[in-house]
N, C-alpha and C. Protein backbone atom coordinates (compact mmCIF):
# COMPACT_ATOMS: atom_id res chain seq x y z
N UNK A 1 2.24 -5.23 11.11
CA UNK A 1 1.21 -3.45 11.64
C UNK A 1 1.81 -2.47 10.85
N UNK A 2 3.09 -2.13 11.00
CA UNK A 2 3.36 -0.82 10.38
C UNK A 2 2.73 0.52 10.83
N UNK A 3 3.00 1.77 9.99
CA UNK A 3 1.70 2.61 10.30
C UNK A 3 0.56 2.37 9.67
N UNK A 4 -0.25 2.73 10.53
CA UNK A 4 -1.62 2.79 10.19
C UNK A 4 -1.96 3.27 8.82
N UNK A 5 -2.40 2.65 8.11
CA UNK A 5 -3.25 2.95 6.55
C UNK A 5 -4.45 2.97 6.29
N UNK A 6 -4.92 3.92 5.58
CA UNK A 6 -6.52 4.23 5.17
C UNK A 6 -6.56 4.42 3.59
N UNK A 7 -8.07 5.26 4.00
CA UNK A 7 -8.17 5.99 2.44
C UNK A 7 -8.03 6.97 2.94
N UNK A 8 -6.78 7.89 2.07
CA UNK A 8 -6.21 9.33 2.30
C UNK A 8 -6.04 9.94 3.64
N UNK A 9 -5.46 10.74 3.96
CA UNK A 9 -4.79 11.57 4.87
C UNK A 9 -5.14 11.22 6.14
N UNK A 10 -4.87 10.61 7.49
CA UNK A 10 -5.61 10.38 8.44
C UNK A 10 -4.84 11.36 9.49
N UNK A 11 -5.96 11.91 10.35
CA UNK A 11 -5.45 12.59 11.96
C UNK A 11 -5.42 12.09 12.82
N UNK A 12 -4.68 12.05 13.71
CA UNK A 12 -4.65 11.08 14.80
C UNK A 12 -3.48 10.43 15.23
N UNK A 13 -3.24 9.59 16.29
CA UNK A 13 -2.38 9.08 16.64
C UNK A 13 -1.97 8.02 15.58
N UNK A 14 -0.51 7.66 15.29
CA UNK A 14 -0.33 6.48 14.36
C UNK A 14 0.87 5.39 15.36
N UNK A 15 0.79 4.13 14.88
CA UNK A 15 1.63 3.37 15.90
C UNK A 15 2.57 2.82 14.96
N UNK A 16 3.64 3.10 15.50
CA UNK A 16 4.55 2.35 13.82
C UNK A 16 5.61 1.52 14.49
N UNK A 17 5.68 0.42 13.53
CA UNK A 17 6.72 -0.81 14.35
C UNK A 17 7.97 -0.10 13.70
N UNK A 18 8.97 -0.43 14.79
CA UNK A 18 10.35 0.13 14.82
C UNK A 18 11.15 -1.23 14.80
N UNK A 19 12.24 -1.44 13.88
CA UNK A 19 13.19 -2.16 13.83
C UNK A 19 14.74 -2.11 14.50
N UNK A 20 14.28 -3.17 15.66
CA UNK A 20 15.65 -2.87 16.67
C UNK A 20 17.12 -4.17 16.02
N UNK A 21 17.99 -3.95 17.16
CA UNK A 21 19.07 -5.12 16.68
C UNK A 21 18.40 -6.38 16.93
N UNK A 22 19.19 -7.16 16.66
CA UNK A 22 19.03 -8.76 16.78
C UNK A 22 17.84 -9.48 16.28
N UNK A 23 17.21 -8.65 15.11
CA UNK A 23 16.04 -9.08 14.50
C UNK A 23 14.63 -8.60 15.74
N UNK A 24 14.87 -8.04 16.10
CA UNK A 24 13.70 -7.45 17.38
C UNK A 24 12.85 -6.88 17.13
N UNK A 25 11.74 -6.36 16.87
CA UNK A 25 10.99 -5.33 16.87
C UNK A 25 10.36 -4.50 18.16
N UNK A 26 9.66 -3.16 17.80
CA UNK A 26 9.14 -2.53 19.00
C UNK A 26 7.83 -1.58 18.35
N UNK A 27 7.53 -0.78 18.75
CA UNK A 27 6.57 0.27 18.29
C UNK A 27 6.90 1.53 18.82
N UNK A 28 6.40 2.76 18.28
CA UNK A 28 6.40 3.80 18.45
C UNK A 28 4.91 4.70 18.54
N UNK A 29 4.37 5.38 19.22
CA UNK A 29 3.28 5.86 19.16
C UNK A 29 3.47 7.21 19.14
N UNK A 30 2.97 7.81 17.82
CA UNK A 30 3.51 9.01 17.61
C UNK A 30 2.15 10.32 17.60
N UNK A 31 1.97 11.18 17.72
CA UNK A 31 0.73 12.09 18.01
C UNK A 31 0.76 12.27 16.49
N UNK A 32 -0.77 12.90 16.18
CA UNK A 32 -1.08 13.90 14.89
C UNK A 32 -0.11 14.63 14.00
N UNK A 33 1.21 15.06 15.38
CA UNK A 33 1.69 16.43 14.78
C UNK A 33 3.20 15.75 14.61
N UNK A 34 3.29 14.22 14.57
CA UNK A 34 4.25 13.64 14.83
C UNK A 34 5.33 13.55 15.72
N UNK A 35 4.83 14.11 16.68
CA UNK A 35 5.75 14.04 18.49
C UNK A 35 5.55 12.89 18.52
N UNK A 36 6.86 11.90 19.02
CA UNK A 36 6.84 10.74 19.71
C UNK A 36 6.40 10.84 21.09
N UNK A 37 5.23 9.85 21.42
CA UNK A 37 4.87 10.20 22.91
C UNK A 37 5.09 9.21 23.58
N UNK A 38 5.34 7.62 22.90
CA UNK A 38 5.42 6.59 24.02
C UNK A 38 6.20 5.41 22.93
N UNK A 39 6.72 4.84 23.96
CA UNK A 39 7.73 3.33 23.15
C UNK A 39 7.01 2.36 23.94
N UNK A 40 7.05 1.13 22.93
CA UNK A 40 6.98 -0.18 23.59
C UNK A 40 8.24 -0.26 24.58
N UNK A 41 7.95 -0.82 25.92
CA UNK A 41 8.78 -1.00 26.93
C UNK A 41 8.97 -2.48 26.90
N UNK A 42 8.64 -3.26 25.97
CA UNK A 42 9.18 -4.46 25.64
C UNK A 42 9.46 -4.65 24.03
N UNK A 43 10.08 -5.55 23.43
CA UNK A 43 10.88 -6.26 22.09
C UNK A 43 10.03 -7.17 21.85
N UNK A 44 9.75 -7.68 20.41
CA UNK A 44 9.34 -8.77 20.28
C UNK A 44 10.05 -9.39 19.06
N UNK A 45 9.81 -10.50 18.94
CA UNK A 45 10.41 -11.60 17.82
C UNK A 45 9.61 -11.68 16.71
N UNK A 46 8.37 -11.13 16.17
CA UNK A 46 7.87 -11.10 15.29
C UNK A 46 6.44 -10.33 15.13
N UNK A 47 6.22 -9.83 13.89
CA UNK A 47 4.80 -9.06 14.17
C UNK A 47 3.68 -9.59 14.43
N UNK A 48 3.30 -10.54 14.30
CA UNK A 48 2.40 -11.48 14.82
C UNK A 48 2.43 -11.39 16.74
N UNK A 49 3.57 -11.67 17.24
CA UNK A 49 3.63 -11.02 18.85
C UNK A 49 3.53 -9.81 19.07
N UNK A 50 3.86 -9.00 17.95
CA UNK A 50 3.90 -7.75 18.21
C UNK A 50 2.25 -6.97 18.18
N UNK A 51 1.74 -7.57 17.27
CA UNK A 51 0.14 -7.45 17.08
C UNK A 51 -0.58 -7.71 18.26
N UNK A 52 -0.13 -9.39 18.74
CA UNK A 52 -1.11 -9.36 20.18
C UNK A 52 -0.77 -8.67 20.82
N UNK A 53 0.38 -8.27 21.40
CA UNK A 53 1.05 -6.96 22.44
C UNK A 53 0.16 -6.04 22.03
N UNK A 54 -0.06 -5.33 21.06
CA UNK A 54 -0.69 -4.10 20.90
C UNK A 54 -2.21 -4.33 21.40
N UNK A 55 -2.61 -5.40 20.96
CA UNK A 55 -4.14 -5.96 20.91
C UNK A 55 -4.54 -5.95 22.50
N UNK A 56 -3.22 -6.73 23.06
CA UNK A 56 -3.92 -6.89 24.81
C UNK A 56 -3.71 -5.71 25.07
N UNK A 57 -2.84 -4.33 24.94
CA UNK A 57 -2.67 -3.42 25.48
C UNK A 57 -3.93 -2.40 25.14
N UNK A 58 -4.46 -2.50 23.94
CA UNK A 58 -5.76 -1.88 23.55
C UNK A 58 -7.00 -2.17 24.57
N UNK A 59 -6.70 -3.58 24.61
CA UNK A 59 -7.90 -4.17 25.25
C UNK A 59 -7.70 -3.62 26.97
N UNK A 60 -6.48 -3.83 27.59
CA UNK A 60 -6.29 -3.35 28.96
C UNK A 60 -6.55 -2.30 29.41
N UNK A 61 -6.34 -1.34 28.28
CA UNK A 61 -6.23 0.17 28.47
C UNK A 61 -6.79 0.81 29.69
N UNK A 62 -8.23 0.58 30.02
CA UNK A 62 -8.76 1.27 31.09
C UNK A 62 -8.00 0.56 32.28
N UNK A 63 -7.20 -0.88 32.79
CA UNK A 63 -6.76 -1.30 33.36
C UNK A 63 -5.27 -1.13 34.03
N UNK A 64 -4.59 -0.59 33.02
CA UNK A 64 -3.06 -0.01 32.96
C UNK A 64 -3.09 1.05 34.52
N UNK A 65 -1.71 0.42 34.89
CA UNK A 65 -1.54 1.22 35.93
C UNK A 65 -0.14 1.89 36.19
N UNK A 66 -0.05 3.15 36.46
CA UNK A 66 0.77 4.00 35.76
C UNK A 66 1.85 4.71 36.74
N UNK A 67 2.95 4.62 36.32
CA UNK A 67 4.13 5.08 37.26
C UNK A 67 4.85 6.08 36.88
N UNK A 68 5.08 7.38 37.60
CA UNK A 68 5.60 8.54 37.35
C UNK A 68 6.99 8.61 38.10
N UNK A 69 8.37 8.82 37.47
CA UNK A 69 9.50 8.55 38.19
C UNK A 69 10.18 9.65 37.81
N UNK A 70 11.01 9.98 38.37
CA UNK A 70 12.48 11.07 38.28
C UNK A 70 13.38 10.25 37.96
N UNK A 71 14.11 10.13 36.77
CA UNK A 71 15.47 9.43 36.38
C UNK A 71 16.81 9.72 37.35
N UNK A 72 17.71 9.05 36.92
CA UNK A 72 18.98 9.63 37.46
C UNK A 72 19.42 11.23 36.96
N UNK A 73 19.07 11.53 35.51
CA UNK A 73 19.59 12.75 34.97
C UNK A 73 18.62 13.76 35.42
N UNK A 74 17.75 13.65 35.95
CA UNK A 74 16.47 14.57 36.84
C UNK A 74 15.35 14.63 35.79
N UNK A 75 15.42 14.08 34.90
CA UNK A 75 14.06 14.15 34.02
C UNK A 75 13.08 13.21 34.57
N UNK A 76 11.58 13.30 34.09
CA UNK A 76 10.36 12.81 34.44
C UNK A 76 10.02 11.74 33.59
N UNK A 77 9.91 10.55 33.76
CA UNK A 77 8.97 9.75 32.78
C UNK A 77 8.02 8.56 33.64
N UNK A 78 7.33 8.35 32.53
CA UNK A 78 6.30 7.43 33.15
C UNK A 78 6.42 6.17 32.38
N UNK A 79 5.43 4.65 32.78
CA UNK A 79 5.47 4.01 32.70
C UNK A 79 3.94 3.19 32.64
N UNK A 80 3.87 2.43 31.44
CA UNK A 80 2.21 1.89 31.89
C UNK A 80 2.55 0.47 32.05
N UNK A 81 1.73 -0.18 32.89
CA UNK A 81 2.16 -1.60 33.47
C UNK A 81 0.36 -2.50 33.17
N UNK A 82 0.59 -3.25 32.61
CA UNK A 82 -0.58 -4.26 32.41
C UNK A 82 -1.03 -4.80 33.77
N UNK A 83 -2.28 -4.98 34.32
CA UNK A 83 -2.46 -5.42 35.49
C UNK A 83 -1.91 -6.87 35.82
N UNK A 84 -1.92 -7.38 36.82
CA UNK A 84 -1.28 -8.44 37.38
C UNK A 84 -2.24 -9.76 36.45
N UNK A 85 -3.40 -9.43 36.68
CA UNK A 85 -4.17 -10.78 36.15
C UNK A 85 -4.09 -10.98 34.54
N UNK A 86 -3.44 -9.74 33.80
CA UNK A 86 -3.30 -10.18 32.45
C UNK A 86 -2.13 -10.94 32.45
N UNK A 87 -0.92 -9.98 33.04
CA UNK A 87 0.52 -10.53 33.11
C UNK A 87 0.95 -11.79 33.29
N UNK A 88 0.36 -11.94 34.56
CA UNK A 88 0.44 -13.46 35.54
C UNK A 88 1.73 -13.27 36.14
N UNK A 89 2.32 -12.19 36.30
CA UNK A 89 3.35 -11.68 37.23
C UNK A 89 2.52 -10.76 38.24
N UNK A 90 4.03 -10.81 39.73
CA UNK A 90 3.11 -10.29 40.83
C UNK A 90 2.97 -8.81 40.45
N UNK A 91 3.88 -8.12 39.95
CA UNK A 91 3.93 -6.77 40.02
C UNK A 91 3.05 -5.80 38.84
N UNK A 92 2.85 -6.82 37.77
CA UNK A 92 2.65 -6.15 36.80
C UNK A 92 3.78 -6.21 35.73
N UNK A 93 3.42 -6.13 34.52
CA UNK A 93 4.26 -5.85 33.14
C UNK A 93 4.32 -4.71 32.52
N UNK A 94 5.41 -3.72 32.63
CA UNK A 94 5.60 -2.66 31.95
C UNK A 94 5.62 -2.84 30.51
N UNK A 95 4.51 -2.53 29.50
CA UNK A 95 4.36 -2.33 28.34
C UNK A 95 4.40 -1.38 27.36
N UNK A 96 4.54 0.11 27.79
CA UNK A 96 4.82 1.10 27.35
C UNK A 96 5.64 2.04 28.18
N UNK A 97 6.43 2.97 27.59
CA UNK A 97 7.18 4.10 28.58
C UNK A 97 6.79 5.44 27.66
N UNK A 98 6.94 6.56 28.33
CA UNK A 98 7.35 7.90 27.82
C UNK A 98 8.16 7.91 26.58
N UNK A 99 8.34 8.08 25.46
CA UNK A 99 9.52 8.66 24.20
C UNK A 99 10.39 9.18 24.73
N UNK A 100 10.22 10.19 25.82
CA UNK A 100 11.21 11.24 26.10
C UNK A 100 11.06 11.19 27.47
N UNK A 101 12.27 12.20 27.98
CA UNK A 101 12.31 12.77 29.30
C UNK A 101 11.91 13.99 29.66
N UNK A 102 10.97 14.07 30.53
CA UNK A 102 10.18 15.57 30.71
C UNK A 102 10.84 16.50 31.91
N UNK A 103 11.14 17.93 31.64
CA UNK A 103 11.84 18.47 32.82
C UNK A 103 10.84 18.79 34.06
N UNK A 104 9.36 18.65 33.72
CA UNK A 104 8.56 18.75 34.91
C UNK A 104 7.48 17.62 35.13
N UNK A 105 7.25 17.25 36.22
CA UNK A 105 6.47 16.16 36.66
C UNK A 105 5.10 16.62 36.06
N UNK A 106 4.47 17.75 35.93
CA UNK A 106 3.37 18.02 35.37
C UNK A 106 3.49 18.02 33.84
N UNK A 107 4.12 18.15 33.27
CA UNK A 107 4.44 17.73 32.05
C UNK A 107 4.36 16.24 31.58
N UNK A 108 5.29 15.75 32.36
CA UNK A 108 5.01 14.35 32.36
C UNK A 108 3.86 13.53 32.56
N UNK A 109 3.03 14.25 33.52
CA UNK A 109 1.74 13.43 33.57
C UNK A 109 0.78 14.24 32.82
N UNK A 110 0.94 15.15 31.88
CA UNK A 110 0.22 15.78 30.55
C UNK A 110 0.64 14.68 29.79
N UNK A 111 1.90 14.09 29.34
CA UNK A 111 2.00 13.14 28.38
C UNK A 111 1.53 11.96 28.67
N UNK A 112 1.28 11.45 29.83
CA UNK A 112 0.74 10.35 30.16
C UNK A 112 -0.54 10.07 29.71
N UNK A 113 -1.30 11.75 30.33
CA UNK A 113 -2.92 11.69 29.71
C UNK A 113 -3.19 11.85 28.20
N UNK A 114 -2.03 12.27 27.78
CA UNK A 114 -2.33 12.19 26.19
C UNK A 114 -2.23 10.69 25.47
N UNK A 115 -1.21 10.47 26.63
CA UNK A 115 -1.15 8.29 25.95
C UNK A 115 -2.49 7.49 26.12
N UNK A 116 -2.86 8.04 27.06
CA UNK A 116 -3.93 7.29 27.57
C UNK A 116 -5.46 7.86 26.24
N UNK A 117 -5.30 8.65 25.80
CA UNK A 117 -6.12 9.10 25.22
C UNK A 117 -6.23 8.88 23.76
N UNK A 118 -4.84 8.65 23.03
CA UNK A 118 -4.65 7.96 21.71
C UNK A 118 -4.69 6.79 22.14
N UNK A 119 -4.42 6.19 23.16
CA UNK A 119 -5.09 4.26 23.08
C UNK A 119 -6.69 4.30 23.02
N UNK A 120 -7.25 5.35 23.52
CA UNK A 120 -8.78 4.87 23.29
C UNK A 120 -8.80 5.58 21.27
N UNK A 121 -8.41 6.64 21.25
CA UNK A 121 -8.63 6.89 19.72
C UNK A 121 -8.41 5.73 18.96
N UNK A 122 -7.17 4.93 19.16
CA UNK A 122 -6.39 3.94 18.37
C UNK A 122 -7.25 2.64 18.34
N UNK A 123 -8.03 2.08 19.77
CA UNK A 123 -8.97 1.33 19.86
C UNK A 123 -10.24 1.69 19.09
N UNK A 124 -10.69 2.73 18.88
CA UNK A 124 -11.81 2.77 18.14
C UNK A 124 -11.45 2.71 16.47
N UNK A 125 -10.15 2.96 16.07
CA UNK A 125 -9.72 3.02 14.81
C UNK A 125 -9.43 1.63 14.53
N UNK A 126 -8.97 0.89 15.36
CA UNK A 126 -8.73 -0.89 15.03
C UNK A 126 -9.81 -1.65 15.36
N UNK A 127 -10.64 -1.09 16.26
CA UNK A 127 -11.84 -1.96 16.55
C UNK A 127 -11.33 -3.08 17.76
N UNK A 128 -10.62 -2.76 18.37
CA UNK A 128 -10.14 -4.14 19.40
C UNK A 128 -10.54 -4.46 20.72
N UNK A 129 -10.78 -5.02 20.81
CA UNK A 129 -11.42 -5.11 22.36
C UNK A 129 -13.20 -4.76 22.29
């Protein structure tokens, strides 16, 4: 996957593959200005597994359920969960999280809305679903 490439400079969100410890990989979603907005909540063993997870995320984007919570450090964060029908789990599986903590709940919710918008843009670019 790596960063999205195309002809010439592209404005819009970028989904970037991140190498983690133990040979695992994940993804980061960055806005056009480079600010990291979301990260994968799951790590993957291979590029193929990661690509399939991103495809499923884009296909299921309208059915995602969101949780907004305040952590022990008093910062706010959000998580996106796949619906039960696609994850096969009882409560749904977290597939994305905010890339940073927010000082206020309204800022966190705005970050979540930006993530939803960027998923729509990525879906249009990638043609998934």
